[in-house]
Protein backbone atom coordinates (compact mmCIF):
# COMPACT_ATOMS: atom_id res chain seq x y z
CA MET A 1 -58.87 -22.42 -22.82
CA PRO A 2 -60.49 -20.29 -25.57
CA PRO A 3 -58.04 -18.34 -27.76
CA ARG A 4 -57.31 -14.95 -26.24
CA PRO A 5 -57.95 -11.79 -28.25
CA GLN A 6 -55.16 -9.27 -28.62
CA TRP A 7 -54.32 -7.39 -25.48
CA ARG A 8 -51.29 -6.37 -23.49
CA PRO A 9 -49.27 -9.34 -22.13
CA LYS A 10 -50.79 -11.23 -19.20
CA ARG A 11 -53.88 -9.04 -19.07
CA PRO A 12 -56.88 -11.35 -18.52
CA ILE A 13 -59.79 -11.26 -20.92
CA PHE A 14 -62.19 -9.97 -18.30
CA LEU A 15 -60.09 -6.81 -17.97
CA ARG A 16 -59.53 -5.97 -21.59
CA THR A 17 -62.29 -3.33 -21.94
CA PRO A 18 -63.21 -0.44 -19.64
CA CYS A 19 -66.73 -1.66 -18.94
CA PRO A 20 -66.94 -5.44 -19.52
CA ARG A 21 -70.12 -6.41 -17.67
CA HIS A 22 -70.15 -9.74 -19.51
CA LEU A 23 -67.52 -12.07 -20.84
CA ARG A 24 -66.66 -11.21 -24.42
CA PHE A 25 -66.13 -14.75 -25.67
CA THR A 26 -69.64 -16.24 -25.77
CA SER A 27 -69.88 -19.15 -28.15
CA THR A 28 -72.31 -18.98 -31.02
CA THR A 29 -72.60 -22.77 -31.15
CA THR A 30 -76.18 -23.90 -30.62
CA GLY A 31 -76.58 -25.53 -27.23
CA ALA A 32 -73.16 -24.44 -26.00
CA PRO A 33 -72.90 -23.56 -22.29
CA GLU A 34 -73.07 -19.96 -21.17
CA LEU A 35 -69.68 -18.83 -19.90
CA PHE A 36 -69.08 -17.17 -16.53
CA ASP A 37 -66.05 -15.99 -14.65
CA VAL A 38 -67.42 -17.25 -11.31
CA VAL A 39 -70.33 -19.61 -10.67
CA CYS A 40 -71.36 -20.03 -7.02
CA VAL A 41 -73.54 -22.97 -5.99
CA GLY A 42 -75.38 -22.10 -2.77
CA GLY A 43 -77.23 -18.93 -1.81
CA GLY A 44 -76.68 -18.97 1.95
CA PRO A 45 -74.62 -16.42 3.90
CA ALA A 46 -71.28 -17.71 2.57
CA GLY A 47 -72.29 -17.78 -1.10
CA LEU A 48 -74.04 -14.41 -1.01
CA SER A 49 -71.15 -12.81 0.90
CA LEU A 50 -68.73 -14.05 -1.73
CA LEU A 51 -70.75 -12.67 -4.63
CA ALA A 52 -71.37 -9.37 -2.84
CA GLY A 53 -67.67 -9.10 -2.04
CA LEU A 54 -66.67 -9.67 -5.66
CA ARG A 55 -69.29 -7.26 -6.95
CA SER A 56 -68.30 -4.49 -4.48
CA ASN A 57 -64.55 -4.83 -5.08
CA PRO A 58 -63.32 -2.43 -7.80
CA SER A 59 -60.90 -5.04 -9.15
CA THR A 60 -63.58 -7.70 -9.62
CA SER A 61 -66.80 -5.69 -10.03
CA HIS A 62 -66.95 -6.38 -13.78
CA LEU A 63 -66.66 -10.16 -13.59
CA LYS A 64 -69.55 -12.17 -14.95
CA LEU A 65 -71.07 -13.91 -11.91
CA ALA A 66 -73.76 -16.54 -11.48
CA LEU A 67 -75.60 -17.89 -8.46
CA ILE A 68 -77.36 -21.28 -8.35
CA GLU A 69 -79.71 -21.88 -5.44
CA ALA A 70 -82.20 -24.70 -4.92
CA GLN A 71 -84.57 -22.55 -2.84
CA ASP A 72 -86.56 -19.74 -4.43
CA ILE A 73 -84.69 -16.60 -3.35
CA THR A 74 -86.23 -14.39 -6.02
CA GLN A 75 -89.32 -13.69 -3.91
CA PRO A 76 -89.25 -10.95 -1.26
CA PRO A 77 -88.95 -12.26 2.30
CA ARG A 78 -92.14 -12.74 4.25
CA PRO A 79 -92.89 -9.97 6.75
CA VAL A 80 -91.93 -10.83 10.32
CA ALA A 81 -94.41 -10.23 13.13
CA PRO A 82 -93.23 -7.90 15.92
CA GLY A 83 -91.64 -9.86 18.75
CA SER A 84 -91.08 -12.86 16.50
CA TYR A 85 -87.58 -14.11 15.71
CA SER A 86 -86.17 -16.85 13.53
CA ASN A 87 -84.67 -19.81 15.38
CA ARG A 88 -81.70 -19.72 12.99
CA CYS A 89 -79.48 -17.02 14.43
CA SER A 90 -75.73 -16.54 14.30
CA SER A 91 -73.24 -14.81 16.53
CA LEU A 92 -71.21 -12.52 14.25
CA THR A 93 -67.76 -11.64 15.54
CA PRO A 94 -66.36 -8.10 15.13
CA SER A 95 -64.11 -9.50 12.39
CA SER A 96 -67.10 -10.78 10.41
CA ALA A 97 -68.96 -7.51 11.00
CA ALA A 98 -65.94 -5.59 9.70
CA TYR A 99 -65.96 -7.61 6.48
CA LEU A 100 -69.68 -6.96 6.01
CA GLN A 101 -69.06 -3.25 6.59
CA ARG A 102 -66.23 -3.27 4.07
CA ILE A 103 -68.39 -4.69 1.28
CA GLY A 104 -71.38 -2.49 2.17
CA ALA A 105 -73.70 -5.17 3.57
CA TRP A 106 -73.77 -4.00 7.18
CA SER A 107 -75.82 -0.91 6.33
CA GLN A 108 -78.36 -3.12 4.54
CA LEU A 109 -79.19 -5.08 7.71
CA ASP A 110 -82.36 -4.36 9.65
CA ARG A 111 -80.43 -3.03 12.63
CA SER A 112 -83.52 -3.07 14.86
CA ARG A 113 -83.20 -6.88 14.77
CA VAL A 114 -79.44 -7.01 15.45
CA GLN A 115 -78.33 -7.33 19.06
CA PRO A 116 -74.73 -6.68 20.14
CA TYR A 117 -73.70 -8.15 23.47
CA THR A 118 -70.83 -7.01 25.66
CA HIS A 119 -70.67 -9.67 28.38
CA MET A 120 -70.41 -13.45 28.52
CA ARG A 121 -70.57 -15.99 31.34
CA VAL A 122 -69.50 -19.62 30.87
CA TRP A 123 -69.50 -22.24 33.63
CA ASP A 124 -69.12 -25.93 34.36
CA GLY A 125 -72.33 -27.86 35.04
CA LEU A 126 -70.65 -30.20 37.54
CA SER A 127 -68.38 -27.90 39.55
CA SER A 128 -69.87 -24.44 38.89
CA ALA A 129 -66.36 -23.13 38.07
CA ALA A 130 -66.96 -20.12 35.84
CA ILE A 131 -65.26 -17.65 33.57
CA THR A 132 -66.81 -14.23 33.00
CA PHE A 133 -65.90 -11.94 30.13
CA ASP A 134 -66.53 -8.31 31.05
CA PRO A 135 -64.54 -6.18 28.61
CA PRO A 136 -63.35 -2.83 29.98
CA SER A 137 -64.88 -0.99 27.02
CA THR A 138 -68.36 -1.15 25.56
CA SER A 139 -67.11 -2.79 22.37
CA PRO A 140 -69.34 -5.77 21.55
CA ILE A 141 -68.04 -9.29 21.96
CA ALA A 142 -70.32 -10.26 19.07
CA TYR A 143 -73.60 -9.43 17.34
CA MET A 144 -76.62 -11.73 17.27
CA VAL A 145 -78.18 -11.69 13.80
CA GLU A 146 -80.94 -13.78 12.27
CA ASN A 147 -79.64 -15.64 9.22
CA THR A 148 -82.62 -14.40 7.21
CA ASN A 149 -81.74 -10.80 8.09
CA LEU A 150 -78.19 -11.37 6.84
CA THR A 151 -79.16 -13.11 3.60
CA THR A 152 -81.78 -10.44 2.84
CA ALA A 153 -79.18 -7.71 3.38
CA LEU A 154 -76.66 -9.44 1.11
CA SER A 155 -79.27 -10.01 -1.61
CA SER A 156 -80.25 -6.33 -1.47
CA LEU A 157 -76.62 -5.30 -1.79
CA ILE A 158 -76.05 -7.55 -4.79
CA THR A 159 -79.13 -6.12 -6.50
CA SER A 160 -78.07 -2.54 -5.81
CA LEU A 161 -74.58 -3.22 -7.22
CA GLY A 162 -75.91 -4.47 -10.51
CA GLY A 163 -76.97 -7.95 -9.69
CA VAL A 164 -75.80 -11.44 -10.45
CA HIS A 165 -77.17 -13.93 -12.98
CA THR A 166 -79.42 -15.87 -10.60
CA PHE A 167 -80.77 -19.36 -11.27
CA SER A 168 -83.36 -19.94 -8.55
CA PRO A 169 -85.04 -22.23 -7.81
CA ALA A 170 -82.65 -24.51 -9.67
CA ARG A 171 -80.73 -27.64 -8.79
CA VAL A 172 -77.48 -28.90 -10.21
CA SER A 173 -78.30 -32.14 -11.99
CA HIS A 174 -74.80 -32.81 -13.36
CA ILE A 175 -71.29 -31.37 -13.21
CA GLY A 176 -68.79 -32.29 -15.90
CA HIS A 177 -66.28 -30.64 -18.20
CA GLY A 178 -66.97 -28.20 -20.98
CA PRO A 179 -66.81 -28.97 -24.70
CA THR A 180 -63.96 -28.40 -27.11
CA THR A 181 -64.98 -26.45 -30.21
CA PRO A 182 -63.04 -24.83 -33.05
CA THR A 183 -63.10 -21.56 -31.10
CA HIS A 184 -63.07 -22.60 -27.42
CA ASP A 185 -61.38 -25.28 -25.35
CA LEU A 186 -63.44 -25.62 -22.19
CA SER A 187 -62.22 -29.11 -21.36
CA SER A 188 -60.81 -27.92 -18.00
CA TRP A 189 -63.81 -25.75 -17.11
CA PRO A 190 -66.48 -27.17 -14.77
CA THR A 191 -69.76 -27.28 -16.67
CA LEU A 192 -73.04 -27.48 -14.79
CA SER A 193 -76.35 -28.78 -16.10
CA LEU A 194 -79.30 -27.38 -14.15
CA SER A 195 -82.79 -28.69 -13.52
CA THR A 196 -84.09 -25.70 -15.47
CA GLY A 197 -82.33 -26.88 -18.62
CA ALA A 198 -79.60 -24.22 -18.47
CA THR A 199 -75.94 -25.14 -18.93
CA LEU A 200 -73.14 -23.03 -17.45
CA SER A 201 -69.34 -23.23 -17.69
CA ALA A 202 -67.21 -21.56 -15.03
CA ARG A 203 -63.71 -20.20 -15.07
CA LEU A 204 -63.99 -20.69 -11.28
CA LEU A 205 -66.67 -22.80 -9.58
CA ILE A 206 -67.41 -22.05 -5.92
CA GLY A 207 -69.00 -24.65 -3.67
CA ALA A 208 -71.00 -22.89 -0.95
CA ASP A 209 -73.54 -25.67 -0.98
CA GLY A 210 -73.42 -27.01 2.57
CA ALA A 211 -72.00 -30.00 4.39
CA ALA A 212 -73.24 -32.50 1.77
CA SER A 213 -71.67 -30.41 -1.01
CA PRO A 214 -72.23 -31.81 -4.54
CA VAL A 215 -69.43 -29.50 -5.71
CA ARG A 216 -67.00 -31.12 -3.28
CA SER A 217 -68.15 -34.56 -4.45
CA TYR A 218 -67.58 -33.57 -8.08
CA ALA A 219 -64.03 -32.52 -7.22
CA GLY A 220 -63.41 -35.79 -5.37
CA ILE A 221 -62.21 -33.98 -2.26
CA PRO A 222 -62.53 -36.17 0.87
CA SER A 223 -64.12 -34.66 3.97
CA ARG A 224 -63.13 -36.35 7.22
CA GLY A 225 -64.59 -36.22 10.70
CA TRP A 226 -67.21 -37.82 12.89
CA ASP A 227 -70.73 -37.52 14.24
CA TYR A 228 -71.01 -36.51 17.89
CA GLY A 229 -74.13 -38.53 18.63
CA ARG A 230 -75.65 -35.27 19.79
CA VAL A 231 -78.46 -33.05 18.54
CA GLY A 232 -78.64 -29.27 18.62
CA VAL A 233 -82.03 -28.04 19.87
CA VAL A 234 -82.85 -24.44 18.94
CA ALA A 235 -85.75 -22.20 19.91
CA SER A 236 -86.78 -18.55 20.09
CA LEU A 237 -87.72 -17.45 23.62
CA ARG A 238 -89.27 -14.50 25.40
CA LEU A 239 -87.66 -13.87 28.78
CA SER A 240 -89.15 -12.40 31.93
CA SER A 241 -86.98 -9.29 31.70
CA ASP A 242 -84.69 -7.38 29.33
CA SER A 243 -81.29 -7.59 30.99
CA ALA A 244 -78.68 -4.84 30.84
CA PRO A 245 -75.93 -5.19 29.93
CA LYS A 246 -76.71 -7.75 27.27
CA THR A 247 -75.02 -11.01 28.22
CA ALA A 248 -74.51 -14.40 26.58
CA PHE A 249 -74.78 -17.40 28.91
CA GLN A 250 -73.38 -20.88 28.37
CA ARG A 251 -73.27 -23.85 30.73
CA PHE A 252 -71.45 -27.10 30.00
CA LEU A 253 -73.63 -30.07 30.93
CA THR A 254 -72.37 -33.63 30.65
CA THR A 255 -74.71 -34.20 27.70
CA GLY A 256 -73.48 -31.05 25.93
CA PRO A 257 -73.44 -27.26 26.32
CA VAL A 258 -76.58 -25.14 26.57
CA ALA A 259 -76.39 -21.49 25.48
CA LEU A 260 -78.82 -18.60 25.75
CA LEU A 261 -77.90 -15.68 23.50
CA PRO A 262 -79.55 -12.24 23.62
CA LEU A 263 -81.82 -10.78 20.96
CA PRO A 264 -83.36 -7.27 21.02
CA GLY A 265 -85.72 -6.59 23.91
CA PRO A 266 -86.69 -9.43 26.26
CA TYR A 267 -85.94 -12.08 23.64
CA ALA A 268 -83.22 -14.71 23.30
CA THR A 269 -82.22 -17.60 21.09
CA LEU A 270 -81.45 -21.03 22.54
CA VAL A 271 -78.86 -23.54 21.32
CA TRP A 272 -78.87 -26.71 23.42
CA SER A 273 -76.61 -29.65 22.54
CA THR A 274 -77.95 -32.87 23.98
CA THR A 275 -78.60 -36.54 23.21
CA PRO A 276 -81.10 -37.51 20.49
CA GLU A 277 -83.38 -39.09 23.11
CA ARG A 278 -83.47 -35.95 25.25
CA ALA A 279 -83.91 -33.75 22.20
CA ALA A 280 -86.96 -35.78 21.18
CA ARG A 281 -88.35 -35.45 24.72
CA LEU A 282 -87.83 -31.67 24.72
CA ARG A 283 -89.51 -31.24 21.35
CA GLY A 284 -92.57 -33.11 22.61
CA LEU A 285 -93.13 -30.84 25.63
CA SER A 286 -95.58 -27.98 25.93
CA GLY A 287 -94.10 -24.49 25.70
CA GLU A 288 -94.40 -24.00 29.45
CA ASP A 289 -92.65 -27.27 30.30
CA PHE A 290 -89.97 -26.64 27.66
CA GLY A 291 -89.26 -23.22 29.18
CA ALA A 292 -89.02 -24.78 32.63
CA CYS A 293 -86.43 -27.25 31.33
CA VAL A 294 -84.39 -24.38 29.91
CA ASP A 295 -84.47 -22.58 33.27
CA ALA A 296 -83.41 -25.82 34.96
CA ALA A 297 -80.53 -26.36 32.55
CA PHE A 298 -78.88 -23.18 33.84
CA ARG A 299 -79.79 -23.48 37.53
CA LEU A 300 -80.17 -27.07 38.72
CA GLY A 301 -77.72 -29.91 39.24
CA MET A 302 -77.21 -32.74 36.76
CA VAL A 303 -79.21 -35.21 38.86
CA ASP A 304 -82.21 -32.88 38.79
CA ILE A 305 -81.82 -32.24 35.06
CA ASP A 306 -81.54 -35.97 34.36
CA TYR A 307 -84.77 -36.60 36.24
CA LEU A 308 -86.65 -33.86 34.36
CA HIS A 309 -85.84 -35.63 31.09
CA THR A 310 -87.67 -38.74 32.26
CA MET A 311 -90.95 -36.79 32.59
CA SER A 312 -93.41 -36.43 29.71
CA ARG A 313 -95.05 -33.38 31.31
CA GLY A 314 -95.26 -31.42 34.56
CA GLN A 315 -91.78 -29.86 34.48
CA VAL A 316 -93.09 -26.43 35.51
CA GLU A 317 -94.14 -27.58 38.97
CA GLU A 318 -91.16 -29.90 39.36
CA VAL A 319 -88.62 -27.19 38.52
CA ALA A 320 -90.30 -24.65 40.80
CA TRP A 321 -90.02 -27.10 43.71
CA ARG A 322 -86.41 -28.09 42.98
CA LYS A 323 -85.23 -24.49 42.59
CA LYS A 324 -86.27 -23.85 46.20
CA HIS A 325 -83.89 -26.61 47.30
CA THR A 326 -80.93 -25.66 45.10
CA ALA A 327 -78.25 -23.13 46.00
CA TYR A 328 -77.38 -20.75 43.16
CA SER A 329 -77.12 -17.01 42.58
CA GLU A 330 -79.99 -15.68 40.49
CA ALA A 331 -77.85 -12.64 39.66
CA ASP A 332 -75.51 -14.94 37.70
CA MET A 333 -78.32 -16.54 35.72
CA PRO A 334 -80.20 -15.47 32.60
CA ALA A 335 -83.73 -14.20 33.07
CA SER A 336 -86.26 -17.01 33.30
CA VAL A 337 -88.21 -18.12 30.24
CA GLU A 338 -91.65 -16.54 29.98
CA ALA A 339 -92.76 -18.02 26.64
CA VAL A 340 -91.54 -20.16 23.76
CA GLN A 341 -92.30 -18.87 20.27
CA ASP A 342 -94.74 -21.18 18.48
CA GLY A 343 -93.09 -23.42 15.93
CA SER A 344 -89.57 -22.30 16.81
CA VAL A 345 -88.35 -25.48 18.52
CA ALA A 346 -86.24 -27.49 16.07
CA ALA A 347 -83.27 -29.85 16.09
CA PHE A 348 -80.31 -30.77 13.89
CA PRO A 349 -77.54 -33.41 14.21
CA LEU A 350 -74.09 -32.27 15.34
CA LYS A 351 -70.96 -33.35 13.52
CA MET A 352 -67.40 -32.31 12.75
CA ARG A 353 -66.09 -32.48 9.19
CA HIS A 354 -63.05 -30.99 7.46
CA ALA A 355 -62.18 -31.27 3.78
CA ASP A 356 -58.65 -32.42 2.95
CA THR A 357 -58.25 -29.33 0.80
CA TYR A 358 -60.45 -26.42 -0.25
CA ILE A 359 -59.45 -26.31 -3.90
CA SER A 360 -59.13 -28.24 -7.11
CA ASN A 361 -58.47 -27.00 -10.61
CA ARG A 362 -60.98 -24.18 -11.24
CA LEU A 363 -62.83 -24.96 -8.03
CA ALA A 364 -62.91 -23.69 -4.43
CA LEU A 365 -64.98 -24.53 -1.34
CA VAL A 366 -66.20 -22.11 1.33
CA GLY A 367 -68.24 -22.39 4.53
CA ASP A 368 -69.91 -25.67 5.46
CA ALA A 369 -68.86 -27.22 2.15
CA ALA A 370 -65.30 -27.02 3.48
CA HIS A 371 -65.82 -27.55 7.22
CA THR A 372 -68.51 -28.23 9.82
CA VAL A 373 -67.86 -27.32 13.45
CA HIS A 374 -69.55 -27.97 16.79
CA PRO A 375 -71.72 -24.93 17.63
CA LEU A 376 -70.42 -24.52 21.22
CA ALA A 377 -68.23 -21.54 20.25
CA GLY A 378 -70.66 -20.04 17.74
CA GLN A 379 -67.98 -20.00 15.04
CA GLY A 380 -69.63 -21.82 12.13
CA LEU A 381 -70.83 -18.80 10.16
CA ASN A 382 -67.77 -16.75 11.15
CA LEU A 383 -65.37 -19.31 9.73
CA GLY A 384 -67.34 -19.17 6.48
CA GLN A 385 -67.16 -15.38 6.39
CA ALA A 386 -63.41 -15.52 6.96
CA ASP A 387 -63.15 -18.01 4.06
CA VAL A 388 -65.05 -15.65 1.81
CA ALA A 389 -63.00 -12.59 2.77
CA ALA A 390 -59.76 -14.47 2.04
CA LEU A 391 -61.01 -15.88 -1.28
CA VAL A 392 -62.25 -12.48 -2.47
CA ASP A 393 -58.81 -11.03 -1.72
CA VAL A 394 -57.08 -13.86 -3.60
CA ILE A 395 -59.34 -13.44 -6.65
CA SER A 396 -58.87 -9.66 -6.57
CA ASP A 397 -55.08 -10.02 -6.42
CA ALA A 398 -55.14 -12.44 -9.35
CA VAL A 399 -57.26 -10.10 -11.47
CA SER A 400 -55.04 -7.12 -10.64
CA THR A 401 -51.86 -8.98 -11.63
CA GLY A 402 -53.23 -10.72 -14.71
CA GLY A 403 -53.49 -14.19 -13.16
CA ASP A 404 -55.97 -16.92 -13.97
CA ILE A 405 -58.52 -16.90 -11.15
CA GLY A 406 -59.25 -20.60 -11.63
CA SER A 407 -55.71 -21.94 -11.58
CA THR A 408 -54.49 -23.98 -8.62
CA LEU A 409 -51.41 -21.75 -8.51
CA VAL A 410 -53.64 -18.79 -7.65
CA LEU A 411 -56.00 -20.71 -5.37
CA GLU A 412 -53.20 -22.23 -3.27
CA GLU A 413 -52.94 -18.88 -1.49
CA TYR A 414 -56.54 -19.26 -0.31
CA VAL A 415 -55.78 -22.69 1.16
CA ALA A 416 -52.65 -21.33 2.85
CA ARG A 417 -54.66 -18.57 4.52
CA ARG A 418 -57.62 -20.61 5.72
CA TRP A 419 -57.06 -24.36 6.06
CA GLY A 420 -54.71 -24.22 9.06
CA ALA A 421 -56.71 -21.55 10.88
CA ASN A 422 -59.94 -23.48 10.41
CA HIS A 423 -58.31 -26.76 11.44
CA ALA A 424 -57.14 -25.18 14.69
CA MET A 425 -60.62 -23.83 15.50
CA LEU A 426 -62.29 -27.16 14.68
CA GLY A 427 -59.80 -28.89 16.95
CA VAL A 428 -60.39 -26.50 19.86
CA CYS A 429 -64.18 -26.89 19.64
CA ASP A 430 -63.90 -30.67 19.37
CA LYS A 431 -61.59 -30.93 22.40
CA LEU A 432 -63.78 -28.63 24.48
CA HIS A 433 -66.83 -30.75 23.72
CA LYS A 434 -65.02 -33.91 24.76
CA LEU A 435 -63.41 -32.32 27.82
CA TYR A 436 -66.69 -31.03 29.24
CA SER A 437 -68.61 -34.20 28.44
CA ALA A 438 -66.39 -36.14 30.84
CA GLU A 439 -67.67 -36.99 34.32
CA TRP A 440 -64.47 -38.54 35.72
CA GLY A 441 -63.79 -36.84 39.06
CA PRO A 442 -60.08 -35.98 38.69
CA LEU A 443 -60.63 -34.56 35.20
CA VAL A 444 -63.56 -32.45 36.41
CA GLY A 445 -61.32 -31.07 39.15
CA LEU A 446 -58.50 -30.24 36.76
CA ARG A 447 -60.72 -28.51 34.20
CA SER A 448 -62.44 -26.52 36.96
CA LEU A 449 -59.08 -25.45 38.34
CA GLY A 450 -58.02 -24.33 34.87
CA LEU A 451 -61.24 -22.43 34.30
CA ARG A 452 -60.91 -20.57 37.60
CA ALA A 453 -57.27 -19.78 36.88
CA VAL A 454 -58.06 -18.34 33.46
CA ASP A 455 -60.83 -16.24 34.99
CA LYS A 456 -58.24 -14.61 37.28
CA LEU A 457 -55.75 -13.88 34.49
CA GLY A 458 -56.90 -10.78 32.62
CA PRO A 459 -54.30 -10.97 29.79
CA VAL A 460 -55.17 -14.61 29.11
CA LYS A 461 -58.88 -13.83 29.00
CA GLY A 462 -58.17 -10.93 26.66
CA PHE A 463 -56.18 -13.19 24.35
CA LEU A 464 -58.99 -15.77 24.29
CA MET A 465 -61.56 -13.10 23.47
CA ARG A 466 -59.42 -11.70 20.65
CA GLN A 467 -59.06 -15.18 19.19
CA ALA A 468 -62.79 -15.83 19.41
CA ALA A 469 -63.46 -12.47 17.75
CA GLY A 470 -61.13 -13.33 14.88
CA MET A 471 -58.85 -10.40 15.68
C-alpha cells in the first residue's frame, strides 16, 4: 500500500478532501500505472449498473472509476427503425427496476420500448397441466427491456453524473501485480495492461466480463457446472394482434421450454430452448415456416412438433392442417406469428456455471462472470443486478466507515449476501429443466399433479411470484 498522508484515524485516502474527483497519490515515476479506486472490466448491464450505482451514491460518488470494454461503446447507438426490436431482451423484475430507479437509470430508459406485463401462463407440453399467474392488482410481474435500451440508459446516466474513465475499445492483454517504488507499494493491487498501451492499477478490480471471465481466471477462482446440450434460439416477432392484458407464455417441451414474451404493440421476443440439431433446422427456415413452427410449439402435441423438425420447408401448410385436428383453446394461446424480423433469429449454447467464490484480494465478480443460469426463468440479468446492488452497498458501507474497499474482510459481506441466494436460484432452474425434460409416464403424472395443485393454491402462487420478482 502507498504511504497514507495525514488524516484522521481510519479515514480512507479517497475521503480526505471535500471534492476528490481523482486519487491524490498518482506516481510521478515514468511508465508507472495510473491508479484507480475501482476498475471494472466489462461494459454490459452488470458493469454499467455497478459504475452508475457507485457514481450516484453520495458515499462513493468521488471515487476514481475506470471502465474497460472490448467493444466500442463511445459511439452513439444506431437509430432503431419503428417496429424493429433487438433479439436480446431481458425480463426485469420489480426488484431490478427498483434498483435502477434508485440510481436514476430508470428515467433514462426509452420507456416507449419498455413493456410491463401483468399475466403469465406456464404449462406442460405433455399433459397440458398449467399454472396461470393473474395478480389481483395491476402491478407488473416484470418489464421486458431490450439490453441495448438498458445499456444506453446506464451510459447516459454515467455521463450525466460526471463520467468514468473509459477505455473502449480496449482489451485486457495482461493482469498482474503493481510495482513497488520508494513511494508506493502496489504489490497487492491488480495491474492491467491494455491493448491500447495503457496500464491501470486498481484498489478494487471488478470482473463483469462474462462467462469466460479473464478476471476470474486471473484470480484462479474455479467455476463449476455443466453444458445442457441445448441451444437457446431467439427471435423478434410481429404477432397477429396486440393482446390485452399483456401476458408472458411459456410451454415446457421435452426438448426444452419455449417462451413468448410481450414487447410494445403487436411484437414479442422468443426464447426457445431446444437441441442443437433442431436449432440449426429452425435457423435455416424461411420466416413464414419459422413462424409456423413457433405457433406449433405452443399449440400442437410433441409428436406433431417432432415431425415438423424433420421438414426442410413447408411448415406453414403442415401446421395449418394439423391445427384443425388438434384440440386446444385458442384463448389460452399467444397470438399467432405474423412475421419474423429479418436477421433476428440467432442461437447461443445453454450452460450452468457457478464460481466457487465471488471474491479474492482486491477483486470481485458480478453477473455472468460469477454465475450462468438456464434462461427458463428469465433470471440471468436480474441475478447480476442483485449482485451489483449488494456490492455497491458493501463498498458504500466500507467508505463510510473508513474500510479498505479491496480487502477480503470487506468483500466477504458481498459473498454472504449473494452466493447462497444465487446458488438456490441456479439449482431451481437446473432442476426445473431436468424435471420437464423427462418423458417417463409416472414422473409426468406427478409433476402435472403438482402443477395443478399449485395453480389452485393462491398463497403458494403468491409466494412463488414474490420469489421470482426478487421481493
